[in-house]
Amino acid sequence: MRKQPVILLLIALALLTCITHTSFGIYYATHAENLVSKPTLRMTGLEFLRSFQGQGWDQSWETDGAAYNRAAMGVLQTGIPRNRTGAVCVHALVYDYFLAACYAVGGTRLLSIAIPQGILMGLTCLLIGLTAIRIATVRPVLTGTVASLLILINMRLAMYVGYMQPTILLLFFVALATYA
């Protein structure tokens, strides 16, 4: 198989991953019965942030999405991620800046994070496929295609697209580093 059709196949799988993971991630974040926080697509600004009260938003304890949102708000307000007490938050520093950048561009709402994280999943799918092709000694095209398909069908990764969690960004950086 020539190189161009393989690249086109991987790009198609990456686009499909981006679309399906974004769609499923948004659906899961807004409809899953077991989630404590359920933002809607209409919520913006403080209303969106308050949807994370089940994770401690505006309480003495903040976990998961509430804590990442708080740190991102700190970046937007002061340039430094901060927790509720005002202390510098370094738990997921790169993700805090990523989340703040998403909110700065698209506003404080679910779509502002789900769309960029869906794009990152598509790019991760592409990088994993290209890496598999590069390192496989037997049937590299099949190996790269299967590797990309494994990302595409992973619904756990897809649901993280709608979460405020550093998993998606971390996977992208690992895939990028492995490819490089």
C-alpha atoms as a PDB file:
ATOM      1  CA  MET A   1       0.000   0.000   0.000  1.00  0.00           C
ATOM      2  CA  ARG A   2       1.326   3.452  -0.891  1.00  0.00           C
ATOM      3  CA  LYS A   3       1.997   5.998   1.823  1.00  0.00           C
ATOM      4  CA  GLN A   4      -0.646   8.577   0.819  1.00  0.00           C
ATOM      5  CA  PRO A   5      -3.701   6.269   1.120  1.00  0.00           C
ATOM      6  CA  VAL A   6      -2.451   5.106   4.534  1.00  0.00           C
ATOM      7  CA  ILE A   7      -2.130   8.691   5.758  1.00  0.00           C
ATOM      8  CA  LEU A   8      -5.606   9.481   4.415  1.00  0.00           C
ATOM      9  CA  LEU A   9      -7.005   6.441   6.224  1.00  0.00           C
ATOM     10  CA  LEU A  10      -5.400   7.523   9.505  1.00  0.00           C
ATOM     11  CA  ILE A  11      -6.658  11.089   9.037  1.00  0.00           C
ATOM     12  CA  ALA A  12     -10.172   9.737   8.416  1.00  0.00           C
ATOM     13  CA  LEU A  13      -9.949   7.653  11.610  1.00  0.00           C
ATOM     14  CA  ALA A  14      -8.660  10.715  13.497  1.00  0.00           C
ATOM     15  CA  LEU A  15     -11.582  12.839  12.258  1.00  0.00           C
ATOM     16  CA  LEU A  16     -14.031  10.102  13.154  1.00  0.00           C
ATOM     17  CA  THR A  17     -12.445   9.868  16.614  1.00  0.00           C
ATOM     18  CA  CYS A  18     -12.710  13.628  17.071  1.00  0.00           C
ATOM     19  CA  ILE A  19     -16.392  13.689  16.095  1.00  0.00           C
ATOM     20  CA  THR A  20     -17.506  10.572  17.973  1.00  0.00           C
ATOM     21  CA  HIS A  21     -15.514  11.281  21.136  1.00  0.00           C
ATOM     22  CA  THR A  22     -16.705  14.889  21.273  1.00  0.00           C
ATOM     23  CA  SER A  23     -20.325  13.849  20.745  1.00  0.00           C
ATOM     24  CA  PHE A  24     -20.192  11.022  23.269  1.00  0.00           C
ATOM     25  CA  GLY A  25     -18.237  13.113  25.788  1.00  0.00           C
ATOM     26  CA  ILE A  26     -20.833  15.892  25.666  1.00  0.00           C
ATOM     27  CA  TYR A  27     -23.703  13.423  25.883  1.00  0.00           C
ATOM     28  CA  TYR A  28     -22.122  11.604  28.806  1.00  0.00           C
ATOM     29  CA  ALA A  29     -21.321  14.820  30.722  1.00  0.00           C
ATOM     30  CA  THR A  30     -24.881  16.070  30.383  1.00  0.00           C
ATOM     31  CA  HIS A  31     -26.875  12.836  30.733  1.00  0.00           C
ATOM     32  CA  ALA A  32     -25.006  10.187  32.750  1.00  0.00           C
ATOM     33  CA  GLU A  33     -27.049   9.226  35.787  1.00  0.00           C
ATOM     34  CA  ASN A  34     -24.077   8.438  38.010  1.00  0.00           C
ATOM     35  CA  LEU A  35     -22.362  11.837  37.671  1.00  0.00           C
ATOM     36  CA  VAL A  36     -22.491  14.219  40.612  1.00  0.00           C
ATOM     37  CA  SER A  37     -22.075  17.275  38.365  1.00  0.00           C
ATOM     38  CA  LYS A  38     -24.257  17.653  35.305  1.00  0.00           C
ATOM     39  CA  PRO A  39     -23.704  20.831  33.353  1.00  0.00           C
ATOM     40  CA  THR A  40     -25.969  21.592  30.413  1.00  0.00           C
ATOM     41  CA  LEU A  41     -24.974  23.068  27.067  1.00  0.00           C
ATOM     42  CA  ARG A  42     -26.870  26.253  27.935  1.00  0.00           C
ATOM     43  CA  MET A  43     -24.949  26.937  31.141  1.00  0.00           C
ATOM     44  CA  THR A  44     -22.224  29.575  30.931  1.00  0.00           C
ATOM     45  CA  GLY A  45     -20.043  31.505  33.343  1.00  0.00           C
ATOM     46  CA  LEU A  46     -20.832  31.210  37.015  1.00  0.00           C
ATOM     47  CA  GLU A  47     -23.903  29.056  36.360  1.00  0.00           C
ATOM     48  CA  PHE A  48     -21.664  26.502  34.610  1.00  0.00           C
ATOM     49  CA  LEU A  49     -19.098  26.602  37.428  1.00  0.00           C
ATOM     50  CA  ARG A  50     -21.847  26.157  40.051  1.00  0.00           C
ATOM     51  CA  SER A  51     -22.896  22.943  38.322  1.00  0.00           C
ATOM     52  CA  PHE A  52     -19.784  21.464  39.975  1.00  0.00           C
ATOM     53  CA  GLN A  53     -21.140  21.939  43.520  1.00  0.00           C
ATOM     54  CA  GLY A  54     -21.286  18.159  43.892  1.00  0.00           C
ATOM     55  CA  GLN A  55     -17.504  18.242  43.499  1.00  0.00           C
ATOM     56  CA  GLY A  56     -17.134  20.989  46.086  1.00  0.00           C
ATOM     57  CA  TRP A  57     -17.404  24.175  44.012  1.00  0.00           C
ATOM     58  CA  ASP A  58     -17.424  27.142  46.423  1.00  0.00           C
ATOM     59  CA  GLN A  59     -17.062  24.856  49.433  1.00  0.00           C
ATOM     60  CA  SER A  60     -14.096  24.282  51.724  1.00  0.00           C
ATOM     61  CA  TRP A  61     -13.232  21.158  49.716  1.00  0.00           C
ATOM     62  CA  GLU A  62     -13.010  20.981  45.945  1.00  0.00           C
ATOM     63  CA  THR A  63     -12.249  17.884  43.916  1.00  0.00           C
ATOM     64  CA  ASP A  64     -11.914  16.928  40.263  1.00  0.00           C
ATOM     65  CA  GLY A  65     -13.746  19.256  37.882  1.00  0.00           C
ATOM     66  CA  ALA A  66     -14.383  21.906  40.535  1.00  0.00           C
ATOM     67  CA  ALA A  67     -10.696  22.081  41.467  1.00  0.00           C
ATOM     68  CA  TYR A  68      -9.540  22.261  37.834  1.00  0.00           C
ATOM     69  CA  ASN A  69     -12.131  24.932  37.115  1.00  0.00           C
ATOM     70  CA  ARG A  70     -11.033  26.914  40.183  1.00  0.00           C
ATOM     71  CA  ALA A  71      -7.379  26.751  39.077  1.00  0.00           C
ATOM     72  CA  ALA A  72      -8.344  27.807  35.534  1.00  0.00           C
ATOM     73  CA  MET A  73     -10.316  30.753  36.910  1.00  0.00           C
ATOM     74  CA  GLY A  74      -7.221  31.681  38.917  1.00  0.00           C
ATOM     75  CA  VAL A  75      -5.174  31.683  35.711  1.00  0.00           C
ATOM     76  CA  LEU A  76      -7.732  33.881  33.971  1.00  0.00           C
ATOM     77  CA  GLN A  77      -7.866  36.333  36.893  1.00  0.00           C
ATOM     78  CA  THR A  78      -4.251  36.461  38.070  1.00  0.00           C
ATOM     79  CA  GLY A  79      -2.197  34.474  35.545  1.00  0.00           C
ATOM     80  CA  ILE A  80      -1.464  31.833  38.191  1.00  0.00           C
ATOM     81  CA  PRO A  81      -3.578  28.760  39.031  1.00  0.00           C
ATOM     82  CA  ARG A  82      -4.960  29.076  42.541  1.00  0.00           C
ATOM     83  CA  ASN A  83      -7.131  26.967  44.791  1.00  0.00           C
ATOM     84  CA  ARG A  84     -10.101  28.238  46.812  1.00  0.00           C
ATOM     85  CA  THR A  85      -7.873  29.582  49.604  1.00  0.00           C
ATOM     86  CA  GLY A  86      -5.760  31.533  47.111  1.00  0.00           C
ATOM     87  CA  ALA A  87      -2.715  29.267  47.389  1.00  0.00           C
ATOM     88  CA  VAL A  88      -0.855  28.388  44.207  1.00  0.00           C
ATOM     89  CA  CYS A  89      -2.206  25.139  42.747  1.00  0.00           C
ATOM     90  CA  VAL A  90       0.415  22.972  41.038  1.00  0.00           C
ATOM     91  CA  HIS A  91      -1.444  19.656  40.931  1.00  0.00           C
ATOM     92  CA  ALA A  92      -1.984  19.708  37.142  1.00  0.00           C
ATOM     93  CA  LEU A  93      -0.298  22.930  36.137  1.00  0.00           C
ATOM     94  CA  VAL A  94      -0.237  22.446  32.359  1.00  0.00           C
ATOM     95  CA  TYR A  95      -3.875  21.327  32.349  1.00  0.00           C
ATOM     96  CA  ASP A  96      -4.898  24.372  34.385  1.00  0.00           C
ATOM     97  CA  TYR A  97      -3.387  26.656  31.740  1.00  0.00           C
ATOM     98  CA  PHE A  98      -4.929  24.575  28.945  1.00  0.00           C
ATOM     99  CA  LEU A  99      -8.368  24.811  30.567  1.00  0.00           C
ATOM    100  CA  ALA A 100      -7.939  28.562  31.111  1.00  0.00           C
ATOM    101  CA  ALA A 101      -6.984  29.018  27.446  1.00  0.00           C
ATOM    102  CA  CYS A 102     -10.081  27.050  26.385  1.00  0.00           C
ATOM    103  CA  TYR A 103     -12.283  29.263  28.549  1.00  0.00           C
ATOM    104  CA  ALA A 104     -10.553  32.426  27.328  1.00  0.00           C
ATOM    105  CA  VAL A 105     -11.290  31.490  23.709  1.00  0.00           C
ATOM    106  CA  GLY A 106     -14.765  29.944  24.018  1.00  0.00           C
ATOM    107  CA  GLY A 107     -16.162  31.224  27.306  1.00  0.00           C
ATOM    108  CA  THR A 108     -16.728  29.309  30.515  1.00  0.00           C
ATOM    109  CA  ARG A 109     -18.935  26.473  29.320  1.00  0.00           C
ATOM    110  CA  LEU A 110     -18.861  22.774  28.490  1.00  0.00           C
ATOM    111  CA  LEU A 111     -18.327  23.142  24.736  1.00  0.00           C
ATOM    112  CA  SER A 112     -15.212  25.251  25.346  1.00  0.00           C
ATOM    113  CA  ILE A 113     -13.487  22.231  26.840  1.00  0.00           C
ATOM    114  CA  ALA A 114     -15.193  19.324  25.054  1.00  0.00           C
ATOM    115  CA  ILE A 115     -14.361  20.525  21.541  1.00  0.00           C
ATOM    116  CA  PRO A 116     -10.614  21.100  22.159  1.00  0.00           C
ATOM    117  CA  GLN A 117     -10.340  17.814  24.052  1.00  0.00           C
ATOM    118  CA  GLY A 118     -12.153  16.046  21.196  1.00  0.00           C
ATOM    119  CA  ILE A 119      -9.647  17.554  18.770  1.00  0.00           C
ATOM    120  CA  LEU A 120      -6.800  16.363  21.002  1.00  0.00           C
ATOM    121  CA  MET A 121      -8.264  12.847  20.940  1.00  0.00           C
ATOM    122  CA  GLY A 122      -8.364  12.959  17.139  1.00  0.00           C
ATOM    123  CA  LEU A 123      -4.730  14.072  17.050  1.00  0.00           C
ATOM    124  CA  THR A 124      -3.820  11.385  19.586  1.00  0.00           C
ATOM    125  CA  CYS A 125      -5.491   8.781  17.365  1.00  0.00           C
ATOM    126  CA  LEU A 126      -3.463  10.006  14.388  1.00  0.00           C
ATOM    127  CA  LEU A 127      -0.179  10.068  16.317  1.00  0.00           C
ATOM    128  CA  ILE A 128      -0.716   6.570  17.720  1.00  0.00           C
ATOM    129  CA  GLY A 129      -1.425   5.212  14.233  1.00  0.00           C
ATOM    130  CA  LEU A 130       1.627   6.935  12.758  1.00  0.00           C
ATOM    131  CA  THR A 131       3.806   5.719  15.617  1.00  0.00           C
ATOM    132  CA  ALA A 132       2.598   2.133  15.183  1.00  0.00           C
ATOM    133  CA  ILE A 133       3.357   2.296  11.452  1.00  0.00           C
ATOM    134  CA  ARG A 134       6.813   3.675  12.184  1.00  0.00           C
ATOM    135  CA  ILE A 135       7.804   1.000  14.692  1.00  0.00           C
ATOM    136  CA  ALA A 136       6.035  -2.093  13.338  1.00  0.00           C
ATOM    137  CA  THR A 137       8.287  -4.525  11.494  1.00  0.00           C
ATOM    138  CA  VAL A 138       5.489  -6.788  10.298  1.00  0.00           C
ATOM    139  CA  ARG A 139       2.386  -5.389   8.572  1.00  0.00           C
ATOM    140  CA  PRO A 140       2.901  -1.769   9.614  1.00  0.00           C
ATOM    141  CA  VAL A 141      -0.239  -0.501   7.852  1.00  0.00           C
ATOM    142  CA  LEU A 142      -2.449  -3.039   9.604  1.00  0.00           C
ATOM    143  CA  THR A 143      -0.734  -2.318  12.914  1.00  0.00           C
ATOM    144  CA  GLY A 144      -1.215   1.444  12.571  1.00  0.00           C
ATOM    145  CA  THR A 145      -4.842   1.040  11.545  1.00  0.00           C
ATOM    146  CA  VAL A 146      -5.622  -1.274  14.469  1.00  0.00           C
ATOM    147  CA  ALA A 147      -3.840   1.066  16.900  1.00  0.00           C
ATOM    148  CA  SER A 148      -5.941   4.002  15.677  1.00  0.00           C
ATOM    149  CA  LEU A 149      -9.119   1.919  15.812  1.00  0.00           C
ATOM    150  CA  LEU A 150      -8.389   1.021  19.437  1.00  0.00           C
ATOM    151  CA  ILE A 151      -8.412   4.728  20.295  1.00  0.00           C
ATOM    152  CA  LEU A 152     -11.589   5.273  18.270  1.00  0.00           C
ATOM    153  CA  ILE A 153     -13.582   2.546  20.020  1.00  0.00           C
ATOM    154  CA  ASN A 154     -12.410   3.330  23.572  1.00  0.00           C
ATOM    155  CA  MET A 155     -15.538   4.761  25.190  1.00  0.00           C
ATOM    156  CA  ARG A 156     -13.763   5.470  28.484  1.00  0.00           C
ATOM    157  CA  LEU A 157     -11.517   7.936  26.663  1.00  0.00           C
ATOM    158  CA  ALA A 158     -14.548   9.333  24.844  1.00  0.00           C
ATOM    159  CA  MET A 159     -16.384  10.088  28.066  1.00  0.00           C
ATOM    160  CA  TYR A 160     -13.331  11.948  29.435  1.00  0.00           C
ATOM    161  CA  VAL A 161     -13.691  14.438  26.579  1.00  0.00           C
ATOM    162  CA  GLY A 162     -16.634  15.968  28.458  1.00  0.00           C
ATOM    163  CA  TYR A 163     -14.839  16.020  31.829  1.00  0.00           C
ATOM    164  CA  MET A 164     -12.466  18.508  33.358  1.00  0.00           C
ATOM    165  CA  GLN A 165      -9.669  15.954  33.728  1.00  0.00           C
ATOM    166  CA  PRO A 166      -6.043  16.090  32.511  1.00  0.00           C
ATOM    167  CA  THR A 167      -6.222  12.563  31.029  1.00  0.00           C
ATOM    168  CA  ILE A 168      -6.846  13.698  27.430  1.00  0.00           C
ATOM    169  CA  LEU A 169      -4.054  16.290  27.441  1.00  0.00           C
ATOM    170  CA  LEU A 170      -1.667  13.798  29.042  1.00  0.00           C
ATOM    171  CA  LEU A 171      -2.456  11.138  26.428  1.00  0.00           C
ATOM    172  CA  PHE A 172      -1.848  13.644  23.657  1.00  0.00           C
ATOM    173  CA  PHE A 173       1.560  14.630  25.063  1.00  0.00           C
ATOM    174  CA  VAL A 174       2.546  10.972  25.557  1.00  0.00           C
ATOM    175  CA  ALA A 175       1.504  10.134  21.981  1.00  0.00           C
ATOM    176  CA  LEU A 176       3.398  13.155  20.675  1.00  0.00           C
ATOM    177  CA  ALA A 177       6.528  12.274  22.643  1.00  0.00           C
ATOM    178  CA  THR A 178       6.357   8.635  21.535  1.00  0.00           C
ATOM    179  CA  TYR A 179       5.964   9.641  17.901  1.00  0.00           C
ATOM    180  CA  ALA A 180       8.871  12.074  18.174  1.00  0.00           C
END
